[in-house]
Amino acid sequence: MFVTRLISGIVLLAILIATICLSGPVLFFFLLAISLIGMFELYRATGVWKGGINLLVLVSWLGAAVYYVFVYRGMEGYLLPILTAALIALLFVYVFTFPKYHADEVMTAFFGIAYVAVCLSYIYQTRELPDGMYTVWLIVICSWGCDTMAYVFGRLFGKHRMAPVLSPKKSVEGAVGGVISAAVFGAVYAAVVGRFMENGGNKILLFALIGAVGALISMVGDLAASAIKRNHNIKDYGKLIPGHGGILDRFDSVIITAPVIYLLAYAFG
C-alpha cells in the first residue's frame, strides 16, 4: 500500500507541476476536469447521484463549466450572478420533477459547485496573478507540506487528540508541527524564488506567514472532507488515485486553501 501510494503521489505531483508550469488552457482543462470528477464523487457519496441520469448533477456540472469559462476569460467577477443562475436552474429541476429529488439533494448539488468547482478554480486564478508562477506553489506547500509534516510530527510526538471523534489519529502536536513546517517551507521557498519575482522586496516573512495561515486552513479542509465521509459512512470518495482514493481524498486540504492563498497573494501584491 505504501509503495502504491508513493508512486501514485509522485505521478500526481508530476502532473500538477506540468500543468501549472504550462498554465493557460492546459491548467484550465485539468482543473475543470478534476472539479467535475470531484463534484461527482461528492454527489455519489452524499446520495445525490444514485445511478442513471440525474438532472441535478447535469445542471451542477453545467453551472461549474460556465463559471470556469468566465474565469478563463478573466470575468471571475461574475461569480455571484453565475451561482445565482445555477441555484435558480436547480430549483427549476426540483420543482418540475417533484417529488423525484429532495430539498437536501438540491442544497448539496449547489454546495458542490461552490465547494469543489469554485474553490479549485482559485488555483488557476492564483497562477494568473502577477508572479503567479511562483505564488501558486504556496497552495501546495501549505496543504500537502502541512499534511505530510503533521503526519510525521504526530507519529513522533502525538499525545493529545485534536479531533478525537472525527479523526482519532490527528494530534495537536502534529498540527503544530505541520503549521510550523509550512511556515518554514514558505520562508525557504521565498529565499529561493524571491529574487526572480517581478514584484520585488523581501518575501521571507510574508511567505512564512502565508504558509502558517494556509496550513491552518488546510487542516480544516481535511477535517471537513473527513466529516462528510463520516456522515455518510464511507472510507474514500473514490478509487481514481491508487493508494489515495478519489480526487476529494487527495485535494481535500487544497480545496479551501486555494481561495485563501489567492486572497492573501492578491492583498499583499
Protein backbone atom coordinates (compact mmCIF):
# COMPACT_ATOMS: atom_id res chain seq x y z
CA MET A 1 0.00 0.00 0.00
CA PHE A 2 2.80 2.44 0.90
CA VAL A 3 4.63 1.83 -2.39
CA THR A 4 1.40 2.25 -4.38
CA ARG A 5 0.58 5.44 -2.51
CA LEU A 6 4.10 6.79 -3.03
CA ILE A 7 4.18 6.05 -6.76
CA SER A 8 0.72 7.49 -7.43
CA GLY A 9 1.59 10.52 -5.32
CA ILE A 10 4.74 11.15 -7.37
CA VAL A 11 2.80 10.76 -10.63
CA LEU A 12 0.09 13.13 -9.42
CA LEU A 13 2.68 15.71 -8.33
CA ALA A 14 4.41 15.44 -11.71
CA ILE A 15 1.11 16.06 -13.50
CA LEU A 16 0.38 19.03 -11.25
CA ILE A 17 3.84 20.50 -11.86
CA ALA A 18 3.47 20.09 -15.62
CA THR A 19 0.00 21.63 -15.79
CA ILE A 20 0.86 24.57 -13.54
CA CYS A 21 4.08 25.32 -15.42
CA LEU A 22 2.30 25.17 -18.79
CA SER A 23 -0.64 27.16 -17.38
CA GLY A 24 -3.17 28.55 -19.89
CA PRO A 25 -5.57 26.02 -21.47
CA VAL A 26 -3.70 23.02 -20.05
CA LEU A 27 -4.14 24.08 -16.42
CA PHE A 28 -7.67 25.31 -17.17
CA PHE A 29 -8.89 21.99 -18.57
CA PHE A 30 -7.06 20.00 -15.90
CA LEU A 31 -8.79 21.91 -13.09
CA LEU A 32 -12.15 21.78 -14.86
CA ALA A 33 -11.80 18.01 -15.25
CA ILE A 34 -10.86 17.31 -11.63
CA SER A 35 -13.60 19.72 -10.48
CA LEU A 36 -16.28 17.81 -12.38
CA ILE A 37 -14.90 14.49 -11.11
CA GLY A 38 -14.73 15.82 -7.56
CA MET A 39 -18.31 17.06 -7.76
CA PHE A 40 -19.44 13.65 -8.96
CA GLU A 41 -17.59 11.98 -6.06
CA LEU A 42 -19.33 14.31 -3.62
CA TYR A 43 -22.76 13.67 -5.15
CA ARG A 44 -22.23 9.92 -5.12
CA ALA A 45 -21.03 9.97 -1.51
CA THR A 46 -23.95 12.06 -0.29
CA GLY A 47 -26.60 10.18 -2.23
CA VAL A 48 -27.48 12.91 -4.72
CA TRP A 49 -26.43 10.56 -7.51
CA LYS A 50 -27.78 7.05 -7.11
CA GLY A 51 -27.22 5.86 -10.68
CA GLY A 52 -28.53 6.72 -14.13
CA ILE A 53 -29.25 10.18 -15.50
CA ASN A 54 -29.54 12.82 -12.79
CA LEU A 55 -30.63 16.32 -13.76
CA LEU A 56 -29.28 17.87 -10.56
CA VAL A 57 -25.81 16.55 -11.37
CA LEU A 58 -26.01 17.66 -15.01
CA VAL A 59 -27.18 21.18 -14.12
CA SER A 60 -24.46 21.47 -11.45
CA TRP A 61 -21.82 20.37 -13.94
CA LEU A 62 -23.13 22.93 -16.44
CA GLY A 63 -23.01 25.68 -13.82
CA ALA A 64 -19.42 24.76 -12.93
CA ALA A 65 -18.37 24.66 -16.59
CA VAL A 66 -19.95 28.07 -17.30
CA TYR A 67 -18.15 29.56 -14.31
CA TYR A 68 -14.82 28.13 -15.50
CA VAL A 69 -15.33 29.66 -18.94
CA PHE A 70 -15.92 33.05 -17.30
CA VAL A 71 -12.77 32.59 -15.18
CA TYR A 72 -10.73 31.70 -18.27
CA ARG A 73 -11.92 34.87 -19.98
CA GLY A 74 -10.92 36.97 -16.97
CA MET A 75 -14.53 37.53 -15.87
CA GLU A 76 -14.39 35.80 -12.47
CA GLY A 77 -16.18 38.82 -11.00
CA TYR A 78 -19.41 37.30 -12.34
CA LEU A 79 -19.27 34.56 -9.70
CA LEU A 80 -22.36 35.72 -7.80
CA PRO A 81 -24.62 36.01 -10.88
CA ILE A 82 -23.45 32.60 -12.11
CA LEU A 83 -24.09 30.97 -8.74
CA THR A 84 -27.49 32.63 -8.59
CA ALA A 85 -28.37 31.36 -12.07
CA ALA A 86 -27.18 27.86 -11.10
CA LEU A 87 -29.35 27.92 -7.99
CA ILE A 88 -32.39 29.01 -10.00
CA ALA A 89 -31.74 26.26 -12.55
CA LEU A 90 -31.51 23.67 -9.77
CA LEU A 91 -34.78 24.93 -8.31
CA PHE A 92 -36.40 24.57 -11.74
CA VAL A 93 -35.33 20.92 -11.77
CA TYR A 94 -36.55 20.47 -8.21
CA VAL A 95 -39.97 21.98 -8.88
CA PHE A 96 -40.78 20.50 -12.27
CA THR A 97 -39.62 16.98 -11.41
CA PHE A 98 -41.12 16.95 -7.92
CA PRO A 99 -41.04 14.67 -5.94
CA LYS A 100 -38.12 12.96 -7.69
CA TYR A 101 -35.49 14.98 -5.81
CA HIS A 102 -35.41 16.06 -2.18
CA ALA A 103 -34.59 19.56 -0.92
CA ASP A 104 -31.39 18.36 0.76
CA GLU A 105 -30.21 16.95 -2.59
CA VAL A 106 -30.75 20.33 -4.24
CA MET A 107 -28.79 22.06 -1.50
CA THR A 108 -25.97 19.53 -1.75
CA ALA A 109 -25.85 19.93 -5.53
CA PHE A 110 -25.47 23.70 -5.14
CA PHE A 111 -22.90 23.21 -2.39
CA GLY A 112 -20.86 21.03 -4.74
CA ILE A 113 -20.47 23.87 -7.24
CA ALA A 114 -19.12 26.28 -4.64
CA TYR A 115 -17.16 23.80 -2.53
CA VAL A 116 -15.42 21.90 -5.31
CA ALA A 117 -15.50 23.81 -8.62
CA VAL A 118 -15.27 27.41 -7.43
CA CYS A 119 -12.65 26.72 -4.76
CA LEU A 120 -10.41 24.68 -7.06
CA SER A 121 -10.63 27.39 -9.72
CA TYR A 122 -8.55 29.60 -7.43
CA ILE A 123 -5.51 27.52 -8.33
CA TYR A 124 -5.88 28.84 -11.88
CA GLN A 125 -6.70 32.35 -10.66
CA THR A 126 -3.62 32.40 -8.42
CA ARG A 127 -1.47 31.22 -11.32
CA GLU A 128 -2.77 34.11 -13.43
CA LEU A 129 -1.80 36.77 -10.86
CA PRO A 130 1.39 38.80 -11.33
CA ASP A 131 4.17 36.48 -10.15
CA GLY A 132 1.54 33.75 -10.04
CA MET A 133 4.05 31.28 -11.44
CA TYR A 134 5.73 31.46 -8.01
CA THR A 135 2.91 32.22 -5.57
CA VAL A 136 0.68 29.38 -6.83
CA TRP A 137 3.08 26.85 -5.28
CA LEU A 138 2.24 28.23 -1.84
CA ILE A 139 -1.06 26.35 -2.18
CA VAL A 140 0.80 23.05 -2.47
CA ILE A 141 3.34 23.98 0.20
CA CYS A 142 0.63 24.94 2.68
CA SER A 143 -1.68 21.99 2.11
CA TRP A 144 0.44 18.97 1.19
CA GLY A 145 3.50 20.19 3.09
CA CYS A 146 1.48 20.67 6.26
CA ASP A 147 -0.29 17.35 5.78
CA THR A 148 2.97 15.44 5.39
CA MET A 149 4.76 17.07 8.31
CA ALA A 150 1.71 16.89 10.57
CA TYR A 151 1.76 13.13 9.99
CA VAL A 152 5.48 12.94 10.82
CA PHE A 153 5.24 15.06 13.96
CA GLY A 154 2.08 13.26 15.01
CA ARG A 155 3.78 9.88 14.72
CA LEU A 156 6.82 11.08 16.69
CA PHE A 157 5.27 13.30 19.36
CA GLY A 158 1.49 13.00 19.16
CA LYS A 159 -0.20 12.61 22.56
CA HIS A 160 -3.20 14.92 22.58
CA ARG A 161 -6.03 14.19 20.15
CA MET A 162 -7.09 17.21 18.09
CA ALA A 163 -10.50 15.89 16.97
CA PRO A 164 -10.94 12.54 18.75
CA VAL A 165 -14.39 11.76 17.38
CA LEU A 166 -13.84 12.95 13.82
CA SER A 167 -10.20 11.93 13.25
CA PRO A 168 -8.69 9.99 16.20
CA LYS A 169 -5.23 9.75 14.61
CA LYS A 170 -4.68 13.52 14.29
CA SER A 171 -2.93 15.16 17.22
CA VAL A 172 -2.38 18.68 18.48
CA GLU A 173 1.36 18.11 18.33
CA GLY A 174 1.09 17.01 14.71
CA ALA A 175 -0.99 20.08 13.85
CA VAL A 176 1.51 22.45 15.48
CA GLY A 177 4.37 20.71 13.70
CA GLY A 178 2.53 20.94 10.39
CA VAL A 179 1.86 24.67 10.75
CA ILE A 180 5.43 25.47 11.82
CA SER A 181 6.81 23.33 8.99
CA ALA A 182 4.60 25.07 6.42
CA ALA A 183 5.84 28.45 7.68
CA VAL A 184 9.46 27.27 7.40
CA PHE A 185 8.81 25.83 3.93
CA GLY A 186 7.27 29.16 2.90
CA ALA A 187 10.27 31.12 4.18
CA VAL A 188 12.77 28.81 2.46
CA TYR A 189 10.75 28.95 -0.75
CA ALA A 190 10.74 32.76 -0.63
CA ALA A 191 14.51 32.80 -0.13
CA VAL A 192 14.94 30.65 -3.23
CA VAL A 193 12.47 32.28 -5.66
CA GLY A 194 12.14 35.79 -4.24
CA ARG A 195 14.89 37.22 -6.42
CA PHE A 196 13.11 36.00 -9.56
CA MET A 197 9.81 37.71 -8.77
CA GLU A 198 8.92 40.92 -10.56
CA ASN A 199 7.26 42.41 -7.50
CA GLY A 200 10.44 42.92 -5.52
CA GLY A 201 11.14 43.06 -1.82
CA ASN A 202 11.92 40.53 0.87
CA LYS A 203 9.20 37.88 0.80
CA ILE A 204 10.54 35.60 3.53
CA LEU A 205 8.36 36.81 6.40
CA LEU A 206 5.35 37.23 4.14
CA PHE A 207 5.60 33.73 2.69
CA ALA A 208 6.19 32.29 6.16
CA LEU A 209 3.01 33.99 7.37
CA ILE A 210 1.04 32.81 4.34
CA GLY A 211 2.41 29.30 4.89
CA ALA A 212 1.22 29.24 8.50
CA VAL A 213 -2.23 30.65 7.73
CA GLY A 214 -2.66 28.38 4.73
CA ALA A 215 -1.64 25.36 6.82
CA LEU A 216 -4.29 26.12 9.44
CA ILE A 217 -6.92 26.44 6.74
CA SER A 218 -5.76 23.25 5.04
CA MET A 219 -6.34 21.24 8.21
CA VAL A 220 -9.91 22.48 8.38
CA GLY A 221 -10.37 21.43 4.76
CA ASP A 222 -9.01 17.97 5.52
CA LEU A 223 -11.26 17.54 8.55
CA ALA A 224 -14.31 18.90 6.71
CA ALA A 225 -13.90 16.31 3.95
CA SER A 226 -13.48 13.62 6.61
CA ALA A 227 -16.62 14.81 8.39
CA ILE A 228 -18.67 14.43 5.20
CA LYS A 229 -17.34 10.88 4.79
CA ARG A 230 -18.17 10.08 8.41
CA ASN A 231 -21.69 11.44 7.98
CA HIS A 232 -22.22 9.07 5.06
CA ASN A 233 -20.22 6.09 6.37
CA ILE A 234 -17.68 5.84 3.56
CA LYS A 235 -13.91 5.38 3.73
CA ASP A 236 -12.90 7.09 0.47
CA TYR A 237 -14.63 9.26 -2.10
CA GLY A 238 -13.35 7.13 -4.96
CA LYS A 239 -10.56 4.93 -6.30
CA LEU A 240 -9.22 7.11 -9.10
CA ILE A 241 -5.83 7.65 -7.42
CA PRO A 242 -4.37 4.31 -6.22
CA GLY A 243 -3.45 4.41 -2.55
CA HIS A 244 -5.10 7.80 -2.04
CA GLY A 245 -8.74 7.37 -3.04
CA GLY A 246 -10.60 9.88 -5.15
CA ILE A 247 -9.99 13.47 -6.18
CA LEU A 248 -11.58 14.77 -2.98
CA ASP A 249 -9.44 12.47 -0.85
CA ARG A 250 -6.26 13.96 -2.33
CA PHE A 251 -7.40 17.58 -2.81
CA ASP A 252 -9.46 17.91 0.38
CA SER A 253 -6.97 20.28 2.01
CA VAL A 254 -6.24 22.13 -1.24
CA ILE A 255 -9.90 22.95 -1.88
CA ILE A 256 -10.28 25.65 0.74
CA THR A 257 -6.59 26.57 0.93
CA ALA A 258 -6.54 27.76 -2.71
CA PRO A 259 -9.01 30.67 -2.30
CA VAL A 260 -7.28 31.80 0.91
CA ILE A 261 -3.84 31.84 -0.72
CA TYR A 262 -5.32 33.70 -3.70
CA LEU A 263 -6.81 36.38 -1.42
CA LEU A 264 -3.57 36.76 0.56
CA ALA A 265 -1.44 36.90 -2.58
CA TYR A 266 -3.81 39.43 -4.15
CA ALA A 267 -3.97 41.56 -0.98
CA PHE A 268 -0.20 41.67 -0.47
CA GLY A 269 0.64 42.00 -4.14
